[in-house]
């Protein structure tokens, strides 16, 4: 049994937020950063990992992703601040290991 993640990424100036779901946060964030697909995140240059939640169950993570996607920007902003008040790129912590 693996881990599943709900995450929020943004561009450098935090003008857009993208919420996603994955079973490999490092790989998925790398894909966003490398712009391997023509997508929302590539168009708006979203490559800064600002927030994530970890789940043991894929169904729970997918449910949470759907909820977070429905929330307005202010709610997502508060989620980010609760975990990452300095708005640092959390992807950097994966590079240290």
PDB file of N, CA and C in Angstrom:
ATOM      1  N   UNK A   1       0.843  -1.185   0.000  1.00  0.00           N
ATOM      2  CA  UNK A   1       0.000   0.000   0.000  1.00  0.00           C
ATOM      3  C   UNK A   1       0.886   1.246   0.000  1.00  0.00           C
ATOM      4  N   UNK A   2       0.626   2.170  -0.911  1.00  0.00           N
ATOM      5  CA  UNK A   2       1.453   3.350  -1.038  1.00  0.00           C
ATOM      6  C   UNK A   2       0.811   4.591  -0.462  1.00  0.00           C
ATOM      7  N   UNK A   3       1.411   5.700  -0.760  1.00  0.00           N
ATOM      8  CA  UNK A   3       0.886   6.993  -0.336  1.00  0.00           C
ATOM      9  C   UNK A   3       0.282   7.711  -1.530  1.00  0.00           C
ATOM     10  N   UNK A   4      -0.700   8.542  -1.242  1.00  0.00           N
ATOM     11  CA  UNK A   4      -1.370   9.345  -2.259  1.00  0.00           C
ATOM     12  C   UNK A   4      -1.387  10.781  -1.755  1.00  0.00           C
ATOM     13  N   UNK A   5      -1.357  11.707  -2.686  1.00  0.00           N
ATOM     14  CA  UNK A   5      -1.209  13.109  -2.322  1.00  0.00           C
ATOM     15  C   UNK A   5      -2.213  13.994  -3.048  1.00  0.00           C
ATOM     16  N   UNK A   6      -2.670  14.999  -2.344  1.00  0.00           N
ATOM     17  CA  UNK A   6      -3.390  16.128  -2.926  1.00  0.00           C
ATOM     18  C   UNK A   6      -2.444  17.305  -2.767  1.00  0.00           C
ATOM     19  N   UNK A   7      -2.268  18.066  -3.822  1.00  0.00           N
ATOM     20  CA  UNK A   7      -1.280  19.142  -3.778  1.00  0.00           C
ATOM     21  C   UNK A   7      -1.794  20.402  -4.449  1.00  0.00           C
ATOM     22  N   UNK A   8      -1.179  21.511  -4.097  1.00  0.00           N
ATOM     23  CA  UNK A   8      -1.455  22.793  -4.741  1.00  0.00           C
ATOM     24  C   UNK A   8      -0.131  23.345  -5.234  1.00  0.00           C
ATOM     25  N   UNK A   9      -0.109  23.682  -6.514  1.00  0.00           N
ATOM     26  CA  UNK A   9       1.057  24.352  -7.085  1.00  0.00           C
ATOM     27  C   UNK A   9       0.618  25.697  -7.640  1.00  0.00           C
ATOM     28  N   UNK A  10       1.583  26.564  -7.829  1.00  0.00           N
ATOM     29  CA  UNK A  10       1.294  27.906  -8.319  1.00  0.00           C
ATOM     30  C   UNK A  10       2.449  28.400  -9.172  1.00  0.00           C
ATOM     31  N   UNK A  11       2.252  29.565  -9.740  1.00  0.00           N
ATOM     32  CA  UNK A  11       3.342  30.199 -10.484  1.00  0.00           C
ATOM     33  C   UNK A  11       4.163  31.066  -9.520  1.00  0.00           C
ATOM     34  N   UNK A  12       5.175  31.694 -10.028  1.00  0.00           N
ATOM     35  CA  UNK A  12       6.114  32.455  -9.193  1.00  0.00           C
ATOM     36  C   UNK A  12       5.426  33.573  -8.406  1.00  0.00           C
ATOM     37  N   UNK A  13       4.417  34.209  -9.009  1.00  0.00           N
ATOM     38  CA  UNK A  13       3.758  35.351  -8.367  1.00  0.00           C
ATOM     39  C   UNK A  13       2.461  34.967  -7.657  1.00  0.00           C
ATOM     40  N   UNK A  14       2.167  33.667  -7.609  1.00  0.00           N
ATOM     41  CA  UNK A  14       1.002  33.132  -6.896  1.00  0.00           C
ATOM     42  C   UNK A  14      -0.318  33.695  -7.416  1.00  0.00           C
ATOM     43  N   UNK A  15      -0.400  33.936  -8.703  1.00  0.00           N
ATOM     44  CA  UNK A  15      -1.630  34.478  -9.282  1.00  0.00           C
ATOM     45  C   UNK A  15      -2.630  33.391  -9.659  1.00  0.00           C
ATOM     46  N   UNK A  16      -2.171  32.153  -9.794  1.00  0.00           N
ATOM     47  CA  UNK A  16      -3.070  31.029 -10.077  1.00  0.00           C
ATOM     48  C   UNK A  16      -2.683  29.853  -9.183  1.00  0.00           C
ATOM     49  N   UNK A  17      -3.686  29.070  -8.834  1.00  0.00           N
ATOM     50  CA  UNK A  17      -3.463  27.840  -8.077  1.00  0.00           C
ATOM     51  C   UNK A  17      -3.988  26.668  -8.889  1.00  0.00           C
ATOM     52  N   UNK A  18      -3.253  25.575  -8.842  1.00  0.00           N
ATOM     53  CA  UNK A  18      -3.700  24.328  -9.465  1.00  0.00           C
ATOM     54  C   UNK A  18      -3.698  23.257  -8.383  1.00  0.00           C
ATOM     55  N   UNK A  19      -4.813  22.546  -8.263  1.00  0.00           N
ATOM     56  CA  UNK A  19      -4.937  21.458  -7.299  1.00  0.00           C
ATOM     57  C   UNK A  19      -4.912  20.141  -8.055  1.00  0.00           C
ATOM     58  N   UNK A  20      -4.109  19.201  -7.581  1.00  0.00           N
ATOM     59  CA  UNK A  20      -3.997  17.909  -8.235  1.00  0.00           C
ATOM     60  C   UNK A  20      -3.932  16.762  -7.249  1.00  0.00           C
ATOM     61  N   UNK A  21      -3.908  15.557  -7.816  1.00  0.00           N
ATOM     62  CA  UNK A  21      -3.873  14.300  -7.068  1.00  0.00           C
ATOM     63  C   UNK A  21      -2.827  13.408  -7.724  1.00  0.00           C
ATOM     64  N   UNK A  22      -2.034  12.699  -6.914  1.00  0.00           N
ATOM     65  CA  UNK A  22      -1.008  11.817  -7.472  1.00  0.00           C
ATOM     66  C   UNK A  22      -0.608  10.756  -6.453  1.00  0.00           C
ATOM     67  N   UNK A  23       0.039   9.717  -6.960  1.00  0.00           N
ATOM     68  CA  UNK A  23       0.607   8.703  -6.062  1.00  0.00           C
ATOM     69  C   UNK A  23       2.119   8.866  -5.946  1.00  0.00           C
ATOM     70  N   UNK A  24       2.678   9.863  -6.657  1.00  0.00           N
ATOM     71  CA  UNK A  24       4.116  10.123  -6.607  1.00  0.00           C
ATOM     72  C   UNK A  24       4.330  11.636  -6.725  1.00  0.00           C
ATOM     73  N   UNK A  25       4.411  12.287  -5.597  1.00  0.00           N
ATOM     74  CA  UNK A  25       4.474  13.751  -5.570  1.00  0.00           C
ATOM     75  C   UNK A  25       5.730  14.292  -6.236  1.00  0.00           C
ATOM     76  N   UNK A  26       6.855  13.646  -6.028  1.00  0.00           N
ATOM     77  CA  UNK A  26       8.099  14.094  -6.653  1.00  0.00           C
ATOM     78  C   UNK A  26       7.995  14.021  -8.177  1.00  0.00           C
ATOM     79  N   UNK A  27       7.554  12.870  -8.688  1.00  0.00           N
ATOM     80  CA  UNK A  27       7.439  12.689 -10.139  1.00  0.00           C
ATOM     81  C   UNK A  27       6.459  13.686 -10.738  1.00  0.00           C
ATOM     82  N   UNK A  28       5.284  13.832 -10.110  1.00  0.00           N
ATOM     83  CA  UNK A  28       4.247  14.693 -10.672  1.00  0.00           C
ATOM     84  C   UNK A  28       4.678  16.153 -10.647  1.00  0.00           C
ATOM     85  N   UNK A  29       5.291  16.585  -9.569  1.00  0.00           N
ATOM     86  CA  UNK A  29       5.778  17.963  -9.505  1.00  0.00           C
ATOM     87  C   UNK A  29       6.865  18.184 -10.555  1.00  0.00           C
ATOM     88  N   UNK A  30       7.723  17.202 -10.747  1.00  0.00           N
ATOM     89  CA  UNK A  30       8.758  17.292 -11.788  1.00  0.00           C
ATOM     90  C   UNK A  30       8.135  17.443 -13.164  1.00  0.00           C
ATOM     91  N   UNK A  31       7.067  16.708 -13.415  1.00  0.00           N
ATOM     92  CA  UNK A  31       6.374  16.814 -14.705  1.00  0.00           C
ATOM     93  C   UNK A  31       5.812  18.213 -14.913  1.00  0.00           C
ATOM     94  N   UNK A  32       5.233  18.792 -13.867  1.00  0.00           N
ATOM     95  CA  UNK A  32       4.734  20.171 -13.975  1.00  0.00           C
ATOM     96  C   UNK A  32       5.888  21.127 -14.254  1.00  0.00           C
ATOM     97  N   UNK A  33       6.969  20.957 -13.550  1.00  0.00           N
ATOM     98  CA  UNK A  33       8.121  21.852 -13.706  1.00  0.00           C
ATOM     99  C   UNK A  33       8.747  21.746 -15.096  1.00  0.00           C
ATOM    100  N   UNK A  34       8.763  20.528 -15.637  1.00  0.00           N
ATOM    101  CA  UNK A  34       9.359  20.291 -16.959  1.00  0.00           C
ATOM    102  C   UNK A  34       8.390  20.551 -18.101  1.00  0.00           C
ATOM    103  N   UNK A  35       7.132  20.849 -17.765  1.00  0.00           N
ATOM    104  CA  UNK A  35       6.106  21.166 -18.765  1.00  0.00           C
ATOM    105  C   UNK A  35       6.019  20.095 -19.859  1.00  0.00           C
ATOM    106  N   UNK A  36       5.911  18.835 -19.425  1.00  0.00           N
ATOM    107  CA  UNK A  36       5.908  17.744 -20.393  1.00  0.00           C
ATOM    108  C   UNK A  36       4.591  17.641 -21.162  1.00  0.00           C
ATOM    109  N   UNK A  37       3.548  18.293 -20.676  1.00  0.00           N
ATOM    110  CA  UNK A  37       2.259  18.294 -21.373  1.00  0.00           C
ATOM    111  C   UNK A  37       1.814  19.725 -21.610  1.00  0.00           C
ATOM    112  N   UNK A  38       1.073  19.926 -22.686  1.00  0.00           N
ATOM    113  CA  UNK A  38       0.432  21.222 -22.894  1.00  0.00           C
ATOM    114  C   UNK A  38      -0.812  21.218 -22.018  1.00  0.00           C
ATOM    115  N   UNK A  39      -0.746  21.959 -20.929  1.00  0.00           N
ATOM    116  CA  UNK A  39      -1.814  21.913 -19.937  1.00  0.00           C
ATOM    117  C   UNK A  39      -1.958  23.273 -19.265  1.00  0.00           C
ATOM    118  N   UNK A  40      -2.914  23.343 -18.360  1.00  0.00           N
ATOM    119  CA  UNK A  40      -3.132  24.556 -17.568  1.00  0.00           C
ATOM    120  C   UNK A  40      -1.846  24.972 -16.862  1.00  0.00           C
ATOM    121  N   UNK A  41      -1.191  23.993 -16.232  1.00  0.00           N
ATOM    122  CA  UNK A  41       0.006  24.317 -15.452  1.00  0.00           C
ATOM    123  C   UNK A  41       1.155  24.794 -16.338  1.00  0.00           C
ATOM    124  N   UNK A  42       1.250  24.257 -17.538  1.00  0.00           N
ATOM    125  CA  UNK A  42       2.290  24.715 -18.468  1.00  0.00           C
ATOM    126  C   UNK A  42       1.962  26.122 -18.966  1.00  0.00           C
ATOM    127  N   UNK A  43       0.706  26.339 -19.312  1.00  0.00           N
ATOM    128  CA  UNK A  43       0.277  27.645 -19.828  1.00  0.00           C
ATOM    129  C   UNK A  43       0.532  28.764 -18.822  1.00  0.00           C
ATOM    130  N   UNK A  44       0.255  28.480 -17.546  1.00  0.00           N
ATOM    131  CA  UNK A  44       0.387  29.506 -16.513  1.00  0.00           C
ATOM    132  C   UNK A  44       1.671  29.368 -15.696  1.00  0.00           C
ATOM    133  N   UNK A  45       2.587  28.534 -16.171  1.00  0.00           N
ATOM    134  CA  UNK A  45       3.901  28.373 -15.557  1.00  0.00           C
ATOM    135  C   UNK A  45       3.818  27.991 -14.075  1.00  0.00           C
ATOM    136  N   UNK A  46       2.929  27.068 -13.764  1.00  0.00           N
ATOM    137  CA  UNK A  46       2.772  26.588 -12.383  1.00  0.00           C
ATOM    138  C   UNK A  46       3.803  25.504 -12.112  1.00  0.00           C
ATOM    139  N   UNK A  47       4.750  25.816 -11.289  1.00  0.00           N
ATOM    140  CA  UNK A  47       5.800  24.839 -10.990  1.00  0.00           C
ATOM    141  C   UNK A  47       6.270  24.906  -9.536  1.00  0.00           C
ATOM    142  N   UNK A  48       5.605  25.701  -8.729  1.00  0.00           N
ATOM    143  CA  UNK A  48       6.006  25.887  -7.341  1.00  0.00           C
ATOM    144  C   UNK A  48       5.049  25.115  -6.431  1.00  0.00           C
ATOM    145  N   UNK A  49       5.551  24.065  -5.797  1.00  0.00           N
ATOM    146  CA  UNK A  49       4.747  23.248  -4.885  1.00  0.00           C
ATOM    147  C   UNK A  49       4.595  23.998  -3.565  1.00  0.00           C
ATOM    148  N   UNK A  50       3.352  24.383  -3.253  1.00  0.00           N
ATOM    149  CA  UNK A  50       3.110  25.184  -2.059  1.00  0.00           C
ATOM    150  C   UNK A  50       2.435  24.425  -0.933  1.00  0.00           C
ATOM    151  N   UNK A  51       1.745  23.343  -1.257  1.00  0.00           N
ATOM    152  CA  UNK A  51       0.952  22.643  -0.243  1.00  0.00           C
ATOM    153  C   UNK A  51       0.720  21.208  -0.688  1.00  0.00           C
ATOM    154  N   UNK A  52       0.689  20.296   0.281  1.00  0.00           N
ATOM    155  CA  UNK A  52       0.266  18.930  -0.024  1.00  0.00           C
ATOM    156  C   UNK A  52      -0.257  18.253   1.221  1.00  0.00           C
ATOM    157  N   UNK A  53      -1.116  17.266   1.003  1.00  0.00           N
ATOM    158  CA  UNK A  53      -1.637  16.400   2.052  1.00  0.00           C
ATOM    159  C   UNK A  53      -1.354  14.974   1.623  1.00  0.00           C
ATOM    160  N   UNK A  54      -1.029  14.126   2.570  1.00  0.00           N
ATOM    161  CA  UNK A  54      -0.729  12.719   2.284  1.00  0.00           C
ATOM    162  C   UNK A  54      -1.857  11.831   2.800  1.00  0.00           C
ATOM    163  N   UNK A  55      -2.195  10.821   2.012  1.00  0.00           N
ATOM    164  CA  UNK A  55      -3.263   9.877   2.350  1.00  0.00           C
ATOM    165  C   UNK A  55      -2.766   8.454   2.141  1.00  0.00           C
ATOM    166  N   UNK A  56      -3.315   7.528   2.908  1.00  0.00           N
ATOM    167  CA  UNK A  56      -3.003   6.107   2.740  1.00  0.00           C
ATOM    168  C   UNK A  56      -3.902   5.454   1.702  1.00  0.00           C
ATOM    169  N   UNK A  57      -4.996   6.118   1.376  1.00  0.00           N
ATOM    170  CA  UNK A  57      -6.032   5.534   0.547  1.00  0.00           C
ATOM    171  C   UNK A  57      -6.288   6.441  -0.661  1.00  0.00           C
ATOM    172  N   UNK A  58      -6.274   5.873  -1.855  1.00  0.00           N
ATOM    173  CA  UNK A  58      -6.481   6.650  -3.078  1.00  0.00           C
ATOM    174  C   UNK A  58      -7.860   7.291  -3.113  1.00  0.00           C
ATOM    175  N   UNK A  59      -8.872   6.569  -2.667  1.00  0.00           N
ATOM    176  CA  UNK A  59     -10.234   7.100  -2.692  1.00  0.00           C
ATOM    177  C   UNK A  59     -10.364   8.334  -1.792  1.00  0.00           C
ATOM    178  N   UNK A  60      -9.734   8.307  -0.626  1.00  0.00           N
ATOM    179  CA  UNK A  60      -9.768   9.460   0.278  1.00  0.00           C
ATOM    180  C   UNK A  60      -9.060  10.659  -0.336  1.00  0.00           C
ATOM    181  N   UNK A  61      -7.929  10.417  -0.962  1.00  0.00           N
ATOM    182  CA  UNK A  61      -7.176  11.504  -1.592  1.00  0.00           C
ATOM    183  C   UNK A  61      -7.957  12.099  -2.761  1.00  0.00           C
ATOM    184  N   UNK A  62      -8.561  11.268  -3.564  1.00  0.00           N
ATOM    185  CA  UNK A  62      -9.342  11.741  -4.707  1.00  0.00           C
ATOM    186  C   UNK A  62     -10.547  12.550  -4.230  1.00  0.00           C
ATOM    187  N   UNK A  63     -11.186  12.090  -3.175  1.00  0.00           N
ATOM    188  CA  UNK A  63     -12.320  12.829  -2.599  1.00  0.00           C
ATOM    189  C   UNK A  63     -11.858  14.206  -2.114  1.00  0.00           C
ATOM    190  N   UNK A  64     -10.729  14.239  -1.416  1.00  0.00           N
ATOM    191  CA  UNK A  64     -10.198  15.514  -0.908  1.00  0.00           C
ATOM    192  C   UNK A  64      -9.837  16.446  -2.057  1.00  0.00           C
ATOM    193  N   UNK A  65      -9.240  15.902  -3.122  1.00  0.00           N
ATOM    194  CA  UNK A  65      -8.899  16.746  -4.274  1.00  0.00           C
ATOM    195  C   UNK A  65     -10.149  17.401  -4.837  1.00  0.00           C
ATOM    196  N   UNK A  66     -11.197  16.647  -4.981  1.00  0.00           N
ATOM    197  CA  UNK A  66     -12.447  17.198  -5.524  1.00  0.00           C
ATOM    198  C   UNK A  66     -13.012  18.286  -4.627  1.00  0.00           C
ATOM    199  N   UNK A  67     -12.909  18.099  -3.316  1.00  0.00           N
ATOM    200  CA  UNK A  67     -13.377  19.129  -2.385  1.00  0.00           C
ATOM    201  C   UNK A  67     -12.537  20.399  -2.505  1.00  0.00           C
ATOM    202  N   UNK A  68     -11.221  20.237  -2.477  1.00  0.00           N
ATOM    203  CA  UNK A  68     -10.336  21.416  -2.535  1.00  0.00           C
ATOM    204  C   UNK A  68     -10.530  22.165  -3.851  1.00  0.00           C
ATOM    205  N   UNK A  69     -10.734  21.451  -4.943  1.00  0.00           N
ATOM    206  CA  UNK A  69     -10.957  22.112  -6.234  1.00  0.00           C
ATOM    207  C   UNK A  69     -12.212  22.971  -6.218  1.00  0.00           C
ATOM    208  N   UNK A  70     -13.201  22.590  -5.425  1.00  0.00           N
ATOM    209  CA  UNK A  70     -14.450  23.366  -5.345  1.00  0.00           C
ATOM    210  C   UNK A  70     -14.293  24.635  -4.524  1.00  0.00           C
ATOM    211  N   UNK A  71     -13.334  24.618  -3.602  1.00  0.00           N
ATOM    212  CA  UNK A  71     -13.164  25.761  -2.718  1.00  0.00           C
ATOM    213  C   UNK A  71     -12.662  26.978  -3.479  1.00  0.00           C
ATOM    214  N   UNK A  72     -13.017  28.123  -2.971  1.00  0.00           N
ATOM    215  CA  UNK A  72     -12.561  29.374  -3.572  1.00  0.00           C
ATOM    216  C   UNK A  72     -11.105  29.638  -3.210  1.00  0.00           C
ATOM    217  N   UNK A  73     -10.550  30.591  -3.880  1.00  0.00           N
ATOM    218  CA  UNK A  73      -9.139  30.941  -3.741  1.00  0.00           C
ATOM    219  C   UNK A  73      -8.742  31.222  -2.288  1.00  0.00           C
ATOM    220  N   UNK A  74      -9.590  31.935  -1.543  1.00  0.00           N
ATOM    221  CA  UNK A  74      -9.262  32.278  -0.156  1.00  0.00           C
ATOM    222  C   UNK A  74      -9.049  31.034   0.700  1.00  0.00           C
ATOM    223  N   UNK A  75      -9.849  30.004   0.480  1.00  0.00           N
ATOM    224  CA  UNK A  75      -9.687  28.773   1.245  1.00  0.00           C
ATOM    225  C   UNK A  75      -8.343  28.123   0.924  1.00  0.00           C
ATOM    226  N   UNK A  76      -7.996  28.074  -0.359  1.00  0.00           N
ATOM    227  CA  UNK A  76      -6.713  27.492  -0.774  1.00  0.00           C
ATOM    228  C   UNK A  76      -5.556  28.319  -0.209  1.00  0.00           C
ATOM    229  N   UNK A  77      -5.706  29.615  -0.232  1.00  0.00           N
ATOM    230  CA  UNK A  77      -4.701  30.511   0.335  1.00  0.00           C
ATOM    231  C   UNK A  77      -4.471  30.178   1.807  1.00  0.00           C
ATOM    232  N   UNK A  78      -5.544  29.978   2.563  1.00  0.00           N
ATOM    233  CA  UNK A  78      -5.435  29.642   3.983  1.00  0.00           C
ATOM    234  C   UNK A  78      -4.831  28.261   4.198  1.00  0.00           C
ATOM    235  N   UNK A  79      -5.141  27.304   3.334  1.00  0.00           N
ATOM    236  CA  UNK A  79      -4.505  25.986   3.424  1.00  0.00           C
ATOM    237  C   UNK A  79      -2.991  26.118   3.275  1.00  0.00           C
ATOM    238  N   UNK A  80      -2.584  26.886   2.290  1.00  0.00           N
ATOM    239  CA  UNK A  80      -1.147  27.072   2.037  1.00  0.00           C
ATOM    240  C   UNK A  80      -0.481  27.712   3.252  1.00  0.00           C
ATOM    241  N   UNK A  81      -1.070  28.752   3.774  1.00  0.00           N
ATOM    242  CA  UNK A  81      -0.490  29.439   4.930  1.00  0.00           C
ATOM    243  C   UNK A  81      -0.401  28.515   6.142  1.00  0.00           C
ATOM    244  N   UNK A  82      -1.371  27.626   6.302  1.00  0.00           N
ATOM    245  CA  UNK A  82      -1.355  26.724   7.462  1.00  0.00           C
ATOM    246  C   UNK A  82      -0.169  25.771   7.434  1.00  0.00           C
ATOM    247  N   UNK A  83       0.287  25.413   6.248  1.00  0.00           N
ATOM    248  CA  UNK A  83       1.407  24.479   6.124  1.00  0.00           C
ATOM    249  C   UNK A  83       2.714  25.190   5.777  1.00  0.00           C
ATOM    250  N   UNK A  84       2.603  26.260   5.048  1.00  0.00           N
ATOM    251  CA  UNK A  84       3.770  26.879   4.436  1.00  0.00           C
ATOM    252  C   UNK A  84       3.644  28.409   4.509  1.00  0.00           C
ATOM    253  N   UNK A  85       3.755  28.989   5.707  1.00  0.00           N
ATOM    254  CA  UNK A  85       3.535  30.431   5.860  1.00  0.00           C
ATOM    255  C   UNK A  85       4.524  31.310   5.084  1.00  0.00           C
ATOM    256  N   UNK A  86       5.673  30.759   4.753  1.00  0.00           N
ATOM    257  CA  UNK A  86       6.672  31.537   4.004  1.00  0.00           C
ATOM    258  C   UNK A  86       6.508  31.393   2.495  1.00  0.00           C
ATOM    259  N   UNK A  87       5.566  30.581   2.054  1.00  0.00           N
ATOM    260  CA  UNK A  87       5.299  30.346   0.631  1.00  0.00           C
ATOM    261  C   UNK A  87       6.550  29.831  -0.093  1.00  0.00           C
ATOM    262  N   UNK A  88       7.293  28.970   0.583  1.00  0.00           N
ATOM    263  CA  UNK A  88       8.489  28.372  -0.011  1.00  0.00           C
ATOM    264  C   UNK A  88       8.094  27.260  -0.970  1.00  0.00           C
ATOM    265  N   UNK A  89       8.973  26.966  -1.902  1.00  0.00           N
ATOM    266  CA  UNK A  89       8.751  25.859  -2.821  1.00  0.00           C
ATOM    267  C   UNK A  89       9.070  24.566  -2.076  1.00  0.00           C
ATOM    268  N   UNK A  90       8.056  23.800  -1.730  1.00  0.00           N
ATOM    269  CA  UNK A  90       8.236  22.579  -0.953  1.00  0.00           C
ATOM    270  C   UNK A  90       8.910  21.467  -1.748  1.00  0.00           C
ATOM    271  N   UNK A  91       8.970  21.624  -3.052  1.00  0.00           N
ATOM    272  CA  UNK A  91       9.657  20.642  -3.876  1.00  0.00           C
ATOM    273  C   UNK A  91      11.133  20.542  -3.497  1.00  0.00           C
ATOM    274  N   UNK A  92      11.697  21.628  -3.028  1.00  0.00           N
ATOM    275  CA  UNK A  92      13.101  21.667  -2.646  1.00  0.00           C
ATOM    276  C   UNK A  92      13.435  20.646  -1.555  1.00  0.00           C
ATOM    277  N   UNK A  93      12.479  20.350  -0.678  1.00  0.00           N
ATOM    278  CA  UNK A  93      12.740  19.390   0.391  1.00  0.00           C
ATOM    279  C   UNK A  93      12.961  17.988  -0.161  1.00  0.00           C
ATOM    280  N   UNK A  94      12.428  17.683  -1.330  1.00  0.00           N
ATOM    281  CA  UNK A  94      12.649  16.377  -1.948  1.00  0.00           C
ATOM    282  C   UNK A  94      14.049  16.252  -2.559  1.00  0.00           C
ATOM    283  N   UNK A  95      14.640  17.381  -2.887  1.00  0.00           N
ATOM    284  CA  UNK A  95      15.962  17.375  -3.502  1.00  0.00           C
ATOM    285  C   UNK A  95      17.066  17.141  -2.485  1.00  0.00           C
ATOM    286  N   UNK A  96      16.807  17.400  -1.218  1.00  0.00           N
ATOM    287  CA  UNK A  96      17.793  17.250  -0.148  1.00  0.00           C
ATOM    288  C   UNK A  96      18.051  15.770   0.146  1.00  0.00           C
ATOM    289  N   UNK A  97      16.999  14.970   0.076  1.00  0.00           N
ATOM    290  CA  UNK A  97      17.120  13.544   0.428  1.00  0.00           C
ATOM    291  C   UNK A  97      18.015  12.768  -0.505  1.00  0.00           C
TER     292      UNK A  97
END
